[in-house]
Protein backbone atom coordinates (compact mmCIF):
# COMPACT_ATOMS: atom_id res chain seq x y z
CA MET A 1 -9.81 -2.75 38.57
CA THR A 2 -8.87 0.14 36.07
CA SER A 3 -11.06 1.05 33.27
CA VAL A 4 -8.05 0.11 30.71
CA SER A 5 -8.10 -3.51 32.29
CA VAL A 6 -11.84 -3.81 31.95
CA LEU A 7 -11.70 -2.49 28.37
CA ALA A 8 -8.94 -5.01 27.64
CA ARG A 9 -10.85 -7.98 29.22
CA GLU A 10 -14.17 -7.18 27.40
CA THR A 11 -13.04 -6.13 23.89
CA ARG A 12 -13.29 -8.80 21.40
CA VAL A 13 -13.49 -6.66 18.22
CA LEU A 14 -11.40 -3.66 17.14
CA VAL A 15 -13.43 -1.75 14.56
CA PHE A 16 -11.12 0.52 12.53
CA ASP A 17 -12.05 3.79 10.54
CA GLN A 18 -10.65 3.23 7.22
CA TYR A 19 -9.77 6.74 5.98
CA GLY A 20 -7.10 8.38 8.03
CA THR A 21 -6.72 5.36 10.51
CA ILE A 22 -5.86 2.39 8.24
CA VAL A 23 -4.77 4.62 5.42
CA ASP A 24 -2.98 7.91 5.32
CA MET A 25 -5.31 10.22 3.60
CA GLN A 26 -3.33 13.43 3.93
CA LYS A 27 -0.06 12.08 2.98
CA GLY A 28 -1.49 9.96 0.19
CA LEU A 29 -3.88 12.51 -1.49
CA THR A 30 -1.13 15.33 -1.10
CA GLU A 31 1.19 12.81 -3.24
CA ILE A 32 -1.58 12.58 -5.79
CA ALA A 33 -2.64 16.18 -5.78
CA THR A 34 0.57 17.80 -6.09
CA PRO A 35 1.51 17.11 -9.82
CA PHE A 36 -2.36 17.50 -10.61
CA LEU A 37 -2.37 21.03 -9.23
CA LYS A 38 0.97 21.73 -10.73
CA LYS A 39 -0.10 20.74 -13.97
CA LYS A 40 -3.03 22.94 -13.53
CA GLY A 41 -0.94 25.93 -12.87
CA TRP A 42 -2.08 26.48 -9.25
CA ASP A 43 0.93 27.69 -7.12
CA GLY A 44 -0.67 27.11 -3.87
CA GLU A 45 0.43 24.27 -1.49
CA ALA A 46 -1.16 20.94 -2.28
CA HIS A 47 -1.52 19.80 1.44
CA ARG A 48 -3.47 22.87 2.05
CA PHE A 49 -5.60 22.05 -0.96
CA VAL A 50 -6.17 18.47 0.43
CA THR A 51 -6.88 19.57 3.95
CA TRP A 52 -9.50 22.08 2.52
CA TRP A 53 -10.96 19.15 0.51
CA ARG A 54 -11.19 16.87 3.51
CA ARG A 55 -12.66 19.33 5.66
CA THR A 56 -15.21 20.27 3.19
CA HIS A 57 -16.07 16.56 2.70
CA PHE A 58 -16.37 15.94 6.46
CA GLU A 59 -18.54 19.07 7.10
CA ASN A 60 -20.96 17.90 4.13
CA SER A 61 -21.09 14.19 5.52
CA MET A 62 -21.85 15.75 8.94
CA ILE A 63 -24.65 17.94 7.46
CA ASP A 64 -25.83 14.83 5.77
CA ALA A 65 -25.91 12.80 8.90
CA LEU A 66 -27.49 15.60 10.98
CA GLY A 67 -30.07 16.65 8.33
CA ASP A 68 -31.52 12.93 8.51
CA ARG A 69 -32.84 13.46 4.91
CA GLY A 70 -31.33 10.08 3.70
CA HIS A 71 -27.91 8.95 3.02
CA THR A 72 -25.90 10.60 0.28
CA PRO A 73 -22.97 8.32 -1.06
CA TYR A 74 -19.56 9.31 0.01
CA ARG A 75 -18.39 9.26 -3.33
CA GLU A 76 -21.10 12.03 -4.38
CA ILE A 77 -20.09 14.21 -1.34
CA GLY A 78 -16.34 13.82 -2.49
CA HIS A 79 -17.25 15.08 -5.96
CA ARG A 80 -19.09 18.05 -4.29
CA ALA A 81 -16.03 18.83 -1.99
CA VAL A 82 -13.40 18.59 -4.71
CA SER A 83 -15.48 20.65 -7.02
CA PHE A 84 -16.17 23.32 -4.27
CA VAL A 85 -12.46 23.60 -3.49
CA MET A 86 -11.20 23.68 -6.99
CA ASP A 87 -13.88 26.50 -7.63
CA ARG A 88 -12.82 28.58 -4.63
CA CYS A 89 -9.22 28.11 -5.84
CA GLY A 90 -9.85 29.27 -9.21
CA ILE A 91 -8.79 25.83 -10.82
CA SER A 92 -10.44 25.02 -14.00
CA TYR A 93 -11.30 21.27 -14.13
CA THR A 94 -13.62 18.50 -15.82
CA GLN A 95 -16.06 16.23 -14.10
CA ASP A 96 -13.63 13.46 -15.35
CA GLU A 97 -10.84 15.06 -13.46
CA VAL A 98 -13.08 15.35 -10.31
CA ARG A 99 -13.90 11.63 -10.53
CA TRP A 100 -10.29 10.52 -10.98
CA LEU A 101 -9.34 12.71 -7.91
CA VAL A 102 -11.88 11.18 -5.63
CA GLY A 103 -11.32 7.70 -7.30
CA GLU A 104 -7.79 7.59 -6.06
CA ILE A 105 -8.76 7.44 -2.40
CA GLU A 106 -9.35 3.56 -3.27
CA LYS A 107 -5.81 3.26 -3.73
CA LEU A 108 -4.32 4.97 -0.82
CA LYS A 109 -1.72 2.41 1.00
CA PRO A 110 -2.23 1.59 4.81
CA PHE A 111 0.05 2.88 7.64
CA PRO A 112 2.82 0.40 8.63
CA ASP A 113 1.22 -2.92 9.86
CA VAL A 114 0.15 -3.50 13.42
CA LEU A 115 -2.94 -5.50 12.34
CA THR A 116 -1.08 -8.84 12.22
CA ARG A 117 0.09 -8.61 15.84
CA LEU A 118 -3.55 -7.53 16.96
CA ARG A 119 -4.95 -10.48 15.02
CA GLU A 120 -2.47 -12.60 16.73
CA ALA A 121 -3.47 -11.28 20.14
CA GLY A 122 -6.83 -12.77 19.27
CA TYR A 123 -8.89 -9.83 18.12
CA LYS A 124 -11.28 -9.81 15.56
CA LEU A 125 -10.73 -7.03 13.12
CA ALA A 126 -13.06 -4.92 11.09
CA ILE A 127 -13.44 -1.68 9.21
CA LEU A 128 -16.48 0.68 9.66
CA SER A 129 -16.25 3.36 7.01
CA ASN A 130 -18.18 6.31 5.77
CA GLY A 131 -16.88 5.18 2.29
CA ASP A 132 -19.31 3.52 -0.26
CA ARG A 133 -19.50 -0.17 -0.50
CA ASP A 134 -17.79 -0.35 -3.95
CA MET A 135 -15.01 2.17 -2.65
CA LEU A 136 -14.12 -0.24 0.10
CA GLU A 137 -14.28 -3.16 -2.18
CA ALA A 138 -12.04 -1.48 -4.68
CA ALA A 139 -9.51 -0.55 -1.91
CA LYS A 140 -8.95 -4.21 -0.53
CA PRO A 141 -6.11 -4.99 -2.90
CA TYR A 142 -4.34 -1.84 -1.92
CA ILE A 143 -4.76 -2.30 1.79
CA GLY A 144 -3.55 -5.89 1.46
CA PHE A 145 -4.91 -7.02 4.90
CA PRO A 146 -7.99 -9.61 5.31
CA PHE A 147 -10.27 -7.96 7.68
CA ASP A 148 -12.94 -10.16 9.32
CA HIS A 149 -15.46 -7.49 8.44
CA VAL A 150 -15.45 -4.58 5.97
CA ILE A 151 -18.69 -2.53 6.81
CA SER A 152 -19.78 0.77 4.96
CA VAL A 153 -22.13 3.21 6.69
CA GLN A 154 -24.60 2.67 3.75
CA GLU A 155 -25.76 -0.49 5.74
CA SER A 156 -27.04 1.93 8.33
CA GLY A 157 -27.67 4.94 6.16
CA TYR A 158 -26.17 7.46 8.29
CA PHE A 159 -22.42 8.69 8.33
CA LYS A 160 -20.38 8.43 11.55
CA PRO A 161 -20.67 9.43 14.06
CA HIS A 162 -24.52 8.77 14.05
CA TRP A 163 -25.05 5.95 16.66
CA LYS A 164 -27.06 3.78 14.29
CA THR A 165 -23.92 3.17 12.28
CA TYR A 166 -22.11 1.62 15.37
CA ALA A 167 -25.15 -0.41 16.28
CA THR A 168 -25.52 -1.68 12.70
CA ALA A 169 -21.66 -2.63 12.62
CA ALA A 170 -22.12 -4.58 15.94
CA GLU A 171 -25.16 -6.42 14.49
CA ILE A 172 -23.21 -7.33 11.31
CA ILE A 173 -20.25 -8.56 13.22
CA GLY A 174 -22.50 -10.46 15.60
CA GLU A 175 -21.04 -9.03 19.00
CA ASP A 176 -22.58 -7.03 21.66
CA ARG A 177 -21.39 -3.30 21.22
CA SER A 178 -19.82 -3.51 24.61
CA ASN A 179 -17.29 -5.82 23.17
CA CYS A 180 -16.34 -3.70 20.27
CA LEU A 181 -13.92 -0.89 20.32
CA PHE A 182 -13.96 1.70 17.77
CA VAL A 183 -10.32 2.79 16.61
CA ALA A 184 -9.83 6.03 14.97
CA ASN A 185 -7.15 8.72 14.42
CA HIS A 186 -9.57 11.37 16.16
CA ALA A 187 -11.59 11.71 19.12
């Protein structure tokens, strides 16, 4: 028996990363940042700005997780990342503009839907996100799909990929970890 067939037989829950897997972060944030950056007079490419923002955010969340000094909210790390990138790009900004840019993450639209077919195939569907609880709640109307569970890493106090985030998600879902498959757009 192949490992794929064992995986298919034992998987009961598909747990998705929200940012980048359920919603297209790069495209959505580039569409939002383009007119903002143009208005600011910045002549760089918006997609590069967004890549730098996302990379800075990711690096800071990994430092937070590895430092094991307590969980910093996703939104706070986002504010720091956007401010850092705008500082480095020489863009003047206000904290209201930073909050607005980070807040737009909650309004991103999902990729074309395959979720309905997965649910029809009998899987429970969940989200496990580095996003804060309130951000995930605010995103629900924009995602427009009723997941069985929407879980923030705040529940465990660690960003992914810390093992405790996955263990906590399995506890909340009520399934053994061996029956849950985490789905993300990255390794």
